[in-house]
Amino acid sequence: MAEVLVRMYDVGFGDCFLVEFPRDDGTAFRVLVDCGSHSSGHPRKGWRISEVVARIVKDLQGAPIDIVVASHRHQDHVSGFGDPGWQDVTVGEVWMPWTENPDDPDATRIRNRQSSLALNLTNAFASAEFTARWTATEQPVALQAMVTNSLTNEVAMRTLHHGFAGRPRRRFLSTASTSRIRPADCPGLTVHLLGPSREPSVIRDMDPPSGQSYLRFQTPAAAPTPDEPRYSQTFSESQQPFSSSFVVPGMTLGGTGADRRIQEAAAGIMRDTDLATAVSLDKAVNGTSLMLMFEFGSAYLLFPGDAQWGTWNAVLTDRATRELVSRTTFYKVGHHGSHNATPKQFLEDVLEPDHKMWGCAASVRPISFWPEIPRAPLMKSLAGHSSRVVRSDKPGRGRKGVGVPKGGGVVLLHVPS
């Protein structure tokens, strides 16, 4: 039986997957999905992203990568592309979300707003006035880490837009431009594009408020501008409220004004505050994620990036795409096992009770200020749908179809096709 080979590299808190689809001539069609690590979640002290890039180059054995997928520009998904080792790797195509298209005015507006928000919030968090509000143990480090994750990652994005050997074709994808791609060099492979959308009802969280409020830590707050909407709690629609993942230890809801603002931001109550804007920014960038289903024979490999409710809701309410994801045999767990990237509806309603996925893979490393990532109830629910739920930091051994090469750092998953 032919198998699809999935390599999950241990990048800590980040994503990096190399997928190989077999061809009739004995060669492989290779797709790299993301290469990044959050600076707060490296696998071990002294680790550098160059280690995983060197490992990928070694695993390629001189072969090209047919498609590089950058699901979205968060640090934990693209920072590895800033490594100079990529300049000698031949790539056929680079896929990015439509929001990365430099010739699209709507994309440029969204991208600029996201980037300026990240930079200004970073400056605000570093200000003496902001720091003075919190003790050393009570600073909202989780929200600061979210903002750091959303910075421009300029070097990495330059590689994705202009780098690699082989002069790759760049494609900026949305569900409005195409619904499926059949690569000519890999007969039998169909890639279904499930997100992102360009529909305002779907992407409303992709374009965050303009963020005038961040200035209150440096200058008096300016009044909201007409184009600065107030955001409601979007995940209430999916009946998945924000968990305590972002709650700062030692603080309780119902405290004084400043304390309550932290807790409300943590709970996803999107008010016009600096910290709520940080949460909005994180969700906005996640909303740009490419969500892809790779169909190859009887294998259906779902790679949702960090897509959140807007994209998932569009997928689950459309009859054709809902039926498509119900066939999932391999699931790359969204957003490192966070509560807000795998809807309960997908696991409890869309996947039939007798449908068992071949496997699930979560690329993750626990971080103290995100204690519920990966979320235990989610991982337990996934285990009810598959006997192979593998984590990059705890890969396990002896599972049929799952291997851990000598030296570690990568998990091999042999998905039957």
Protein backbone atom coordinates (compact mmCIF):
# COMPACT_ATOMS: atom_id res chain seq x y z
CA MET A 1 0.00 0.00 0.00
CA ALA A 2 1.30 3.45 -0.91
CA GLU A 3 1.86 5.80 2.01
CA VAL A 4 2.04 9.53 2.47
CA LEU A 5 5.03 10.40 4.65
CA VAL A 6 4.58 13.27 7.10
CA ARG A 7 7.58 14.61 8.99
CA MET A 8 6.73 16.70 12.04
CA TYR A 9 9.83 18.60 13.18
CA ASP A 10 10.20 19.52 16.83
CA VAL A 11 10.46 23.30 16.68
CA GLY A 12 9.00 23.77 20.15
CA PHE A 13 5.99 26.09 20.10
CA GLY A 14 5.61 26.35 16.33
CA ASP A 15 4.81 24.42 13.17
CA CYS A 16 7.01 22.69 10.61
CA PHE A 17 5.80 19.74 8.52
CA LEU A 18 7.31 18.15 5.42
CA VAL A 19 4.81 16.01 3.52
CA GLU A 20 5.86 13.57 0.78
CA PHE A 21 3.34 12.18 -1.71
CA PRO A 22 4.53 9.13 -3.71
CA ARG A 23 4.68 9.30 -7.50
CA ASP A 24 4.57 6.38 -9.94
CA ASP A 25 8.22 6.85 -10.92
CA GLY A 26 9.36 6.27 -7.35
CA THR A 27 10.10 9.91 -6.57
CA ALA A 28 8.24 12.05 -4.06
CA PHE A 29 6.25 15.25 -4.43
CA ARG A 30 7.25 17.35 -1.43
CA VAL A 31 5.23 20.01 0.38
CA LEU A 32 6.66 21.99 3.29
CA VAL A 33 3.96 23.47 5.52
CA ASP A 34 5.39 26.27 7.66
CA CYS A 35 8.74 26.57 9.41
CA GLY A 36 8.70 28.64 12.56
CA SER A 37 9.10 28.70 16.32
CA HIS A 38 7.92 31.14 18.97
CA SER A 39 10.84 32.75 20.77
CA SER A 40 9.27 31.86 24.13
CA GLY A 41 8.86 28.19 23.27
CA HIS A 42 12.05 26.73 21.82
CA PRO A 43 12.53 22.98 22.40
CA ARG A 44 15.52 23.47 24.67
CA LYS A 45 17.95 26.11 25.88
CA GLY A 46 20.39 27.20 23.19
CA TRP A 47 18.25 25.80 20.35
CA ARG A 48 18.38 27.67 17.04
CA ILE A 49 15.98 27.48 14.10
CA SER A 50 19.01 26.75 11.90
CA GLU A 51 19.06 23.25 13.44
CA VAL A 52 15.71 22.32 11.94
CA VAL A 53 16.51 24.00 8.61
CA ALA A 54 19.69 21.92 8.39
CA ARG A 55 17.67 18.80 9.23
CA ILE A 56 15.15 19.54 6.48
CA VAL A 57 17.95 20.09 3.96
CA LYS A 58 19.45 16.75 5.02
CA ASP A 59 16.09 14.98 4.68
CA LEU A 60 15.64 16.43 1.18
CA GLN A 61 18.90 14.77 0.02
CA GLY A 62 19.30 17.35 -2.70
CA ALA A 63 15.72 17.06 -3.98
CA PRO A 64 13.60 20.18 -4.46
CA ILE A 65 10.56 21.21 -2.48
CA ASP A 66 7.66 21.35 -4.89
CA ILE A 67 5.49 23.63 -2.75
CA VAL A 68 6.32 25.76 0.29
CA VAL A 69 3.20 26.74 2.22
CA ALA A 70 3.34 29.68 4.62
CA SER A 71 -0.02 29.42 6.34
CA HIS A 72 0.19 32.91 7.91
CA ARG A 73 2.86 35.33 9.03
CA HIS A 74 2.97 34.60 12.76
CA GLN A 75 6.49 34.09 14.13
CA ASP A 76 5.75 30.51 15.19
CA HIS A 77 4.95 29.60 11.58
CA VAL A 78 7.44 31.55 9.45
CA SER A 79 10.47 32.60 11.50
CA GLY A 80 12.53 29.68 10.17
CA PHE A 81 12.40 31.10 6.67
CA GLY A 82 14.73 33.84 7.85
CA ASP A 83 17.58 31.32 7.99
CA PRO A 84 20.13 31.75 5.16
CA GLY A 85 20.15 27.98 4.57
CA TRP A 86 17.05 28.32 2.40
CA GLN A 87 18.80 30.28 -0.33
CA ASP A 88 20.28 27.10 -1.83
CA VAL A 89 17.06 25.06 -1.67
CA THR A 90 15.17 24.77 -4.94
CA VAL A 91 11.45 25.45 -4.63
CA GLY A 92 8.77 25.13 -7.28
CA GLU A 93 5.97 27.28 -5.81
CA VAL A 94 5.34 29.33 -2.68
CA TRP A 95 1.76 29.54 -1.41
CA MET A 96 0.68 32.35 0.88
CA PRO A 97 -2.71 33.78 1.88
CA TRP A 98 -4.14 36.53 -0.29
CA THR A 99 -3.38 39.05 2.46
CA GLU A 100 0.32 38.76 1.51
CA ASN A 101 -0.26 39.95 -2.06
CA PRO A 102 1.74 43.20 -2.46
CA ASP A 103 -0.42 44.23 -5.43
CA ASP A 104 -3.75 43.90 -3.59
CA PRO A 105 -4.83 47.20 -1.93
CA ASP A 106 -7.16 45.47 0.54
CA ALA A 107 -4.39 43.08 1.52
CA THR A 108 -1.95 45.95 1.95
CA ARG A 109 -4.37 47.85 4.19
CA ILE A 110 -4.97 44.83 6.43
CA ARG A 111 -1.28 43.93 6.53
CA ASN A 112 -0.21 47.46 7.40
CA ARG A 113 -2.78 47.77 10.15
CA GLN A 114 -1.76 44.46 11.69
CA SER A 115 1.94 45.30 11.52
CA SER A 116 1.60 48.81 12.93
CA LEU A 117 -0.58 47.50 15.76
CA ALA A 118 2.03 44.91 16.67
CA LEU A 119 4.84 47.45 16.69
CA ASN A 120 2.93 50.08 18.64
CA LEU A 121 1.66 47.59 21.22
CA THR A 122 5.20 46.29 21.67
CA ASN A 123 6.39 49.84 22.34
CA ALA A 124 3.51 50.44 24.74
CA PHE A 125 4.21 47.24 26.68
CA ALA A 126 7.85 48.32 27.02
CA SER A 127 6.98 51.76 28.38
CA ALA A 128 7.78 52.65 31.97
CA GLU A 129 4.19 53.70 32.62
CA PHE A 130 2.86 50.33 31.54
CA THR A 131 5.49 48.37 33.48
CA ALA A 132 4.81 50.39 36.61
CA ARG A 133 1.24 49.10 36.68
CA TRP A 134 2.30 45.52 37.29
CA THR A 135 4.55 43.67 39.69
CA ALA A 136 7.23 41.38 38.30
CA THR A 137 4.94 38.36 38.69
CA GLU A 138 1.79 39.97 37.39
CA GLN A 139 2.87 41.40 34.05
CA PRO A 140 0.64 40.12 31.24
CA VAL A 141 3.45 38.16 29.64
CA ALA A 142 1.04 35.98 27.69
CA LEU A 143 -0.39 38.97 25.87
CA GLN A 144 3.07 40.40 25.27
CA ALA A 145 4.11 37.08 23.74
CA MET A 146 1.07 37.20 21.47
CA VAL A 147 2.09 40.62 20.21
CA THR A 148 5.70 39.53 19.66
CA ASN A 149 4.35 36.64 17.59
CA SER A 150 2.57 39.15 15.34
CA LEU A 151 5.56 41.34 14.49
CA THR A 152 6.44 41.62 10.82
CA ASN A 153 9.05 38.82 10.69
CA GLU A 154 10.55 40.88 7.89
CA VAL A 155 13.55 38.67 7.01
CA ALA A 156 11.46 35.52 6.85
CA MET A 157 8.78 37.18 4.74
CA ARG A 158 11.46 38.50 2.37
CA THR A 159 12.57 34.90 1.75
CA LEU A 160 9.01 33.80 1.12
CA HIS A 161 8.44 36.64 -1.33
CA HIS A 162 11.83 36.78 -3.05
CA GLY A 163 14.10 33.96 -1.86
CA PHE A 164 14.87 30.28 -2.54
CA ALA A 165 16.64 28.81 -5.56
CA GLY A 166 14.77 27.91 -8.72
CA ARG A 167 12.79 31.17 -9.11
CA PRO A 168 9.57 29.74 -7.62
CA ARG A 169 6.14 30.92 -8.63
CA ARG A 170 4.31 32.86 -5.89
CA ARG A 171 0.60 32.25 -5.39
CA PHE A 172 -1.58 34.32 -3.09
CA LEU A 173 -4.63 32.21 -2.35
CA SER A 174 -8.19 32.78 -1.21
CA THR A 175 -11.38 30.78 -1.51
CA ALA A 176 -12.61 33.47 -3.88
CA SER A 177 -9.80 32.72 -6.35
CA THR A 178 -9.92 28.93 -6.32
CA SER A 179 -11.40 26.01 -4.43
CA ARG A 180 -8.96 23.29 -5.45
CA ILE A 181 -5.54 22.88 -7.02
CA ARG A 182 -4.32 19.77 -8.82
CA PRO A 183 -0.51 19.99 -9.15
CA ALA A 184 0.53 18.79 -12.61
CA ASP A 185 3.65 17.09 -11.26
CA CYS A 186 1.71 14.89 -8.83
CA PRO A 187 -1.16 13.02 -10.49
CA GLY A 188 -3.69 11.94 -7.92
CA LEU A 189 -3.11 14.85 -5.54
CA THR A 190 -5.85 17.41 -5.06
CA VAL A 191 -5.41 20.30 -2.65
CA HIS A 192 -8.69 21.77 -1.46
CA LEU A 193 -8.48 25.40 -0.35
CA LEU A 194 -10.83 25.98 2.59
CA GLY A 195 -9.55 29.36 3.73
CA PRO A 196 -8.98 32.24 4.00
CA SER A 197 -12.00 33.93 2.53
CA ARG A 198 -12.41 37.44 1.21
CA GLU A 199 -16.01 37.67 2.41
CA PRO A 200 -16.49 40.47 4.98
CA SER A 201 -18.71 38.23 7.12
CA VAL A 202 -15.88 35.71 7.37
CA ILE A 203 -12.86 38.01 7.67
CA ARG A 204 -14.28 40.58 10.09
CA ASP A 205 -11.67 39.56 12.66
CA MET A 206 -8.87 39.70 10.09
CA ASP A 207 -8.86 43.49 10.11
CA PRO A 208 -8.38 44.56 13.76
CA PRO A 209 -9.31 47.96 15.22
CA SER A 210 -6.88 50.73 14.43
CA GLY A 211 -5.58 50.62 17.98
CA GLN A 212 -5.72 54.22 19.08
CA SER A 213 -6.03 53.01 22.66
CA TYR A 214 -2.46 51.74 22.86
CA LEU A 215 -1.41 55.36 23.17
CA ARG A 216 -2.89 55.67 26.65
CA PHE A 217 0.31 54.20 28.03
CA GLN A 218 2.27 57.08 26.46
CA THR A 219 -0.15 59.93 25.79
CA PRO A 220 -3.82 60.60 26.62
CA ALA A 221 -6.07 58.19 24.80
CA ALA A 222 -7.51 59.38 21.52
CA ALA A 223 -11.15 58.90 20.69
CA PRO A 224 -11.92 55.86 18.51
CA THR A 225 -11.93 56.68 14.83
CA PRO A 226 -15.01 55.93 12.69
CA ASP A 227 -13.25 52.94 11.09
CA GLU A 228 -12.36 51.44 14.46
CA PRO A 229 -15.16 48.97 15.22
CA ARG A 230 -15.75 47.51 18.64
CA TYR A 231 -15.36 43.77 18.55
CA SER A 232 -17.74 41.36 20.21
CA GLN A 233 -16.71 37.97 21.53
CA THR A 234 -16.59 36.09 18.23
CA PHE A 235 -16.17 32.63 19.71
CA SER A 236 -19.49 32.94 21.51
CA GLU A 237 -20.93 31.99 18.15
CA SER A 238 -19.22 28.63 18.39
CA GLN A 239 -20.09 28.29 22.07
CA GLN A 240 -16.39 28.06 22.82
CA PRO A 241 -15.57 30.88 25.24
CA PHE A 242 -11.96 31.76 25.84
CA SER A 243 -10.52 29.52 28.53
CA SER A 244 -8.23 30.50 31.37
CA SER A 245 -5.26 30.07 29.04
CA PHE A 246 -4.51 33.78 29.10
CA VAL A 247 -5.37 34.50 32.74
CA VAL A 248 -2.45 35.99 34.61
CA PRO A 249 -1.71 33.85 37.72
CA GLY A 250 -2.79 35.38 41.00
CA MET A 251 -5.46 37.64 39.49
CA THR A 252 -9.19 37.11 39.77
CA LEU A 253 -12.08 38.39 37.70
CA GLY A 254 -13.90 41.18 39.43
CA GLY A 255 -10.83 42.99 40.74
CA THR A 256 -9.97 46.65 40.33
CA GLY A 257 -10.18 48.36 36.96
CA ALA A 258 -6.72 47.47 35.64
CA ASP A 259 -6.98 43.89 36.90
CA ARG A 260 -10.39 43.48 35.35
CA ARG A 261 -9.12 44.75 31.98
CA ILE A 262 -6.50 41.99 31.94
CA GLN A 263 -9.07 39.34 32.81
CA GLU A 264 -11.57 40.62 30.28
CA ALA A 265 -8.93 40.57 27.56
CA ALA A 266 -8.06 37.05 28.65
CA ALA A 267 -11.72 36.06 28.42
CA GLY A 268 -11.94 37.41 24.89
CA ILE A 269 -14.28 40.30 25.73
CA MET A 270 -13.20 42.64 22.99
CA ARG A 271 -13.46 46.11 24.45
CA ASP A 272 -11.49 49.09 23.21
CA THR A 273 -8.52 48.63 25.55
CA ASP A 274 -4.85 48.11 24.88
CA LEU A 275 -4.83 44.53 26.07
CA ALA A 276 -8.03 43.57 24.33
CA THR A 277 -6.51 45.01 21.17
CA ALA A 278 -3.58 42.62 21.63
CA VAL A 279 -5.98 39.67 21.71
CA SER A 280 -7.79 41.06 18.67
CA LEU A 281 -4.50 41.36 16.80
CA ASP A 282 -3.58 37.73 17.48
CA LYS A 283 -6.96 36.54 16.25
CA ALA A 284 -6.74 38.81 13.21
CA VAL A 285 -3.47 37.32 11.99
CA ASN A 286 -4.71 33.79 12.69
CA GLY A 287 -7.73 34.66 10.58
CA THR A 288 -5.50 34.98 7.52
CA SER A 289 -4.46 31.30 7.74
CA LEU A 290 -4.41 29.08 4.72
CA MET A 291 -6.62 26.10 5.56
CA LEU A 292 -5.80 23.18 3.27
CA MET A 293 -7.06 19.64 2.75
CA PHE A 294 -4.67 17.35 0.83
CA GLU A 295 -6.59 14.55 -0.88
CA PHE A 296 -4.47 11.66 -2.12
CA GLY A 297 -6.18 8.33 -2.76
CA SER A 298 -8.05 7.47 0.43
CA ALA A 299 -5.92 9.86 2.53
CA TYR A 300 -7.39 13.22 3.54
CA LEU A 301 -4.85 15.35 5.37
CA LEU A 302 -6.28 18.49 6.99
CA PHE A 303 -3.83 21.33 7.68
CA PRO A 304 -5.86 24.26 9.08
CA GLY A 305 -2.97 26.54 10.06
CA ASP A 306 -4.26 28.52 13.04
CA ALA A 307 -7.64 29.23 11.46
CA GLN A 308 -10.21 30.36 13.99
CA TRP A 309 -13.97 30.56 14.02
CA GLY A 310 -14.63 32.72 10.94
CA THR A 311 -12.96 30.24 8.60
CA TRP A 312 -14.14 27.13 10.43
CA ASN A 313 -17.73 28.40 10.49
CA ALA A 314 -17.66 28.99 6.72
CA VAL A 315 -16.35 25.45 6.21
CA LEU A 316 -18.81 23.75 8.56
CA THR A 317 -21.89 25.55 7.28
CA ASP A 318 -21.23 24.77 3.61
CA ARG A 319 -22.54 21.35 2.62
CA ALA A 320 -19.68 20.46 0.28
CA THR A 321 -16.79 21.52 2.53
CA ARG A 322 -18.45 20.07 5.61
CA GLU A 323 -18.71 16.73 3.85
CA LEU A 324 -15.07 17.05 2.74
CA VAL A 325 -13.67 17.60 6.25
CA SER A 326 -15.83 14.76 7.55
CA ARG A 327 -13.49 12.45 5.59
CA THR A 328 -10.37 13.62 7.45
CA THR A 329 -7.93 10.76 8.04
CA PHE A 330 -5.01 12.88 9.30
CA TYR A 331 -5.42 16.11 11.24
CA LYS A 332 -2.67 18.63 11.95
CA VAL A 333 -4.07 19.97 15.22
CA GLY A 334 -4.83 23.66 14.86
CA HIS A 335 -2.98 26.30 16.87
CA HIS A 336 -0.87 23.83 18.88
CA GLY A 337 -3.88 22.35 20.64
CA SER A 338 -5.42 25.64 21.71
CA HIS A 339 -9.10 25.69 22.59
CA ASN A 340 -9.90 28.27 19.91
CA ALA A 341 -8.78 26.46 16.77
CA THR A 342 -10.57 23.09 16.76
CA PRO A 343 -14.33 23.60 17.05
CA LYS A 344 -16.23 21.07 19.12
CA GLN A 345 -18.67 20.91 16.25
CA PHE A 346 -15.98 19.43 14.00
CA LEU A 347 -15.19 16.62 16.44
CA GLU A 348 -18.65 16.00 17.87
CA ASP A 349 -20.99 16.58 14.90
CA VAL A 350 -19.06 16.55 11.64
CA LEU A 351 -16.91 13.48 12.28
CA GLU A 352 -19.31 10.57 12.49
CA PRO A 353 -19.10 8.50 15.69
CA ASP A 354 -17.80 5.51 13.75
CA HIS A 355 -15.27 7.59 11.77
CA LYS A 356 -11.76 7.01 13.08
CA MET A 357 -8.98 9.25 11.86
CA TRP A 358 -5.71 7.45 11.13
CA GLY A 359 -3.85 10.01 13.21
CA CYS A 360 -3.52 13.53 14.63
CA ALA A 361 -0.32 15.52 15.14
CA ALA A 362 0.10 18.45 17.52
CA SER A 363 3.24 20.56 17.23
CA VAL A 364 3.62 22.05 20.69
CA ARG A 365 5.74 22.73 23.72
CA PRO A 366 4.09 23.75 27.00
CA ILE A 367 4.68 27.37 28.01
CA SER A 368 4.01 28.41 31.61
CA PHE A 369 1.88 31.44 30.77
CA TRP A 370 -0.32 29.36 28.41
CA PRO A 371 -0.98 26.47 30.80
CA GLU A 372 -3.92 25.10 28.83
CA ILE A 373 -2.07 24.69 25.54
CA PRO A 374 -2.43 21.94 24.54
CA ARG A 375 -5.87 21.82 26.09
CA ALA A 376 -6.45 18.51 27.88
CA PRO A 377 -10.18 18.10 26.98
CA LEU A 378 -9.34 18.69 23.32
CA MET A 379 -6.54 16.13 23.33
CA LYS A 380 -8.83 13.64 25.07
CA SER A 381 -11.53 14.22 22.48
CA LEU A 382 -9.02 13.72 19.66
CA ALA A 383 -7.93 10.46 21.28
CA GLY A 384 -11.53 9.30 20.99
CA HIS A 385 -11.29 9.73 17.23
CA SER A 386 -7.82 8.29 16.68
CA SER A 387 -5.47 5.87 18.39
CA ARG A 388 -2.53 7.93 17.13
CA VAL A 389 -2.53 11.38 18.72
CA VAL A 390 1.12 12.43 18.56
CA ARG A 391 2.81 15.47 20.09
CA SER A 392 6.12 16.81 18.84
CA ASP A 393 7.42 17.14 22.41
CA LYS A 394 6.14 13.69 23.45
CA PRO A 395 6.24 11.62 20.27
CA GLY A 396 6.03 8.19 21.89
CA ARG A 397 7.28 4.97 20.37
CA GLY A 398 5.95 1.68 19.14
CA ARG A 399 2.81 3.01 17.47
CA LYS A 400 2.04 1.40 14.16
CA GLY A 401 2.83 3.84 11.38
CA VAL A 402 4.63 6.30 13.68
CA GLY A 403 8.40 6.39 14.03
CA VAL A 404 10.95 8.46 15.92
CA PRO A 405 14.32 8.45 14.14
CA LYS A 406 17.52 8.11 16.12
CA GLY A 407 18.52 11.50 17.46
CA GLY A 408 14.95 12.73 17.76
CA GLY A 409 13.80 16.13 16.56
CA VAL A 410 11.35 14.69 14.06
CA VAL A 411 8.38 12.32 14.06
CA LEU A 412 7.63 10.22 10.96
CA LEU A 413 4.00 9.45 10.27
CA HIS A 414 3.24 6.91 7.53
CA VAL A 415 -0.32 7.74 6.49
CA PRO A 416 -1.92 5.06 4.31
CA SER A 417 -3.25 6.34 1.02
